[in-house]
């Protein structure tokens, strides 16, 4: 996903709404830095959703192409999900 200049932060939302299966989200910045793998309990709640903000005060938002990878950490069969990134 391309991020232009003047973006204050990114809102990332991976939602599968199912606590039986578990997905993981990995993020790579344009400069190649890897941000954690994020798990369902990242926000302190196991709810079938990973929501996070990437804030420039943390030094993460940079201009260029970001890569987002969704992995089935523990999935029985297949798992549908929605994935959105909002530039603010």
Protein backbone atom coordinates (compact mmCIF):
# COMPACT_ATOMS: atom_id res chain seq x y z
CA UNK A 1 0.00 0.00 0.00
CA UNK A 2 1.41 3.40 -0.96
CA UNK A 3 1.65 6.13 1.66
CA UNK A 4 2.23 9.70 0.52
CA UNK A 5 3.64 12.66 2.35
CA UNK A 6 1.70 14.52 5.02
CA UNK A 7 0.07 11.41 6.57
CA UNK A 8 -0.20 11.83 10.35
CA UNK A 9 -0.86 8.18 11.18
CA UNK A 10 -2.23 4.90 9.84
CA UNK A 11 -5.19 3.01 11.30
CA UNK A 12 -4.92 -0.72 10.63
CA UNK A 13 -7.93 -3.01 11.09
CA UNK A 14 -7.90 -6.79 10.52
CA UNK A 15 -11.25 -8.33 11.46
CA UNK A 16 -12.29 -11.97 11.22
CA UNK A 17 -14.75 -11.87 14.13
CA UNK A 18 -14.07 -15.44 15.22
CA UNK A 19 -12.24 -16.29 18.43
CA UNK A 20 -11.95 -19.99 17.52
CA UNK A 21 -9.45 -19.31 14.71
CA UNK A 22 -6.39 -17.11 15.12
CA UNK A 23 -4.78 -14.83 12.55
CA UNK A 24 -1.51 -12.91 12.76
CA UNK A 25 -0.57 -9.64 11.04
CA UNK A 26 2.99 -8.70 10.04
CA UNK A 27 3.92 -5.27 8.70
CA UNK A 28 6.97 -4.09 6.76
CA UNK A 29 7.79 -0.39 6.41
CA UNK A 30 9.05 1.13 3.14
CA UNK A 31 12.62 1.10 4.51
CA UNK A 32 12.35 -2.63 5.29
CA UNK A 33 11.81 -2.50 9.05
CA UNK A 34 9.58 -5.28 10.38
CA UNK A 35 6.91 -4.40 12.93
CA UNK A 36 6.05 -7.19 15.40
CA UNK A 37 3.84 -9.92 14.38
CA UNK A 38 0.55 -8.72 15.86
CA UNK A 39 -1.81 -11.26 17.40
CA UNK A 40 -5.48 -11.15 18.41
CA UNK A 41 -4.63 -10.24 22.00
CA UNK A 42 -2.46 -7.23 20.98
CA UNK A 43 -5.09 -4.81 22.32
CA UNK A 44 -5.68 -6.87 25.47
CA UNK A 45 -8.84 -8.49 24.13
CA UNK A 46 -9.31 -11.80 22.29
CA UNK A 47 -12.15 -10.91 19.91
CA UNK A 48 -11.16 -11.96 16.39
CA UNK A 49 -9.79 -8.53 15.54
CA UNK A 50 -6.44 -6.76 15.39
CA UNK A 51 -6.69 -2.96 15.47
CA UNK A 52 -3.72 -0.67 15.82
CA UNK A 53 -2.50 2.82 15.00
CA UNK A 54 0.90 3.45 13.51
CA UNK A 55 1.77 6.89 14.80
CA UNK A 56 4.66 9.07 13.55
CA UNK A 57 5.62 9.89 17.15
CA UNK A 58 6.73 6.24 17.29
CA UNK A 59 8.86 6.75 14.19
CA UNK A 60 6.90 4.25 12.07
CA UNK A 61 4.94 6.22 9.46
CA UNK A 62 7.08 6.90 6.44
CA UNK A 63 6.36 7.66 2.82
CA UNK A 64 6.50 4.76 0.35
CA UNK A 65 5.12 1.25 -0.04
CA UNK A 66 4.04 -0.59 3.10
CA UNK A 67 3.51 -4.36 3.09
CA UNK A 68 0.91 -6.13 5.21
CA UNK A 69 0.81 -9.93 5.51
CA UNK A 70 -1.99 -11.92 7.13
CA UNK A 71 -1.17 -15.42 8.37
CA UNK A 72 -3.42 -18.18 9.64
CA UNK A 73 -1.77 -18.86 12.98
CA UNK A 74 -4.35 -21.45 14.00
CA UNK A 75 -7.16 -21.96 11.48
CA UNK A 76 -9.48 -24.91 10.98
CA UNK A 77 -10.30 -24.97 7.26
CA UNK A 78 -10.42 -21.41 5.93
CA UNK A 79 -11.15 -18.05 7.54
CA UNK A 80 -12.74 -15.02 5.89
CA UNK A 81 -11.59 -11.60 7.03
CA UNK A 82 -11.72 -7.91 6.20
CA UNK A 83 -8.61 -5.78 6.14
CA UNK A 84 -8.47 -1.99 5.95
CA UNK A 85 -5.78 0.63 6.34
CA UNK A 86 -6.87 4.23 6.75
CA UNK A 87 -4.45 7.09 6.15
CA UNK A 88 -5.13 10.04 8.47
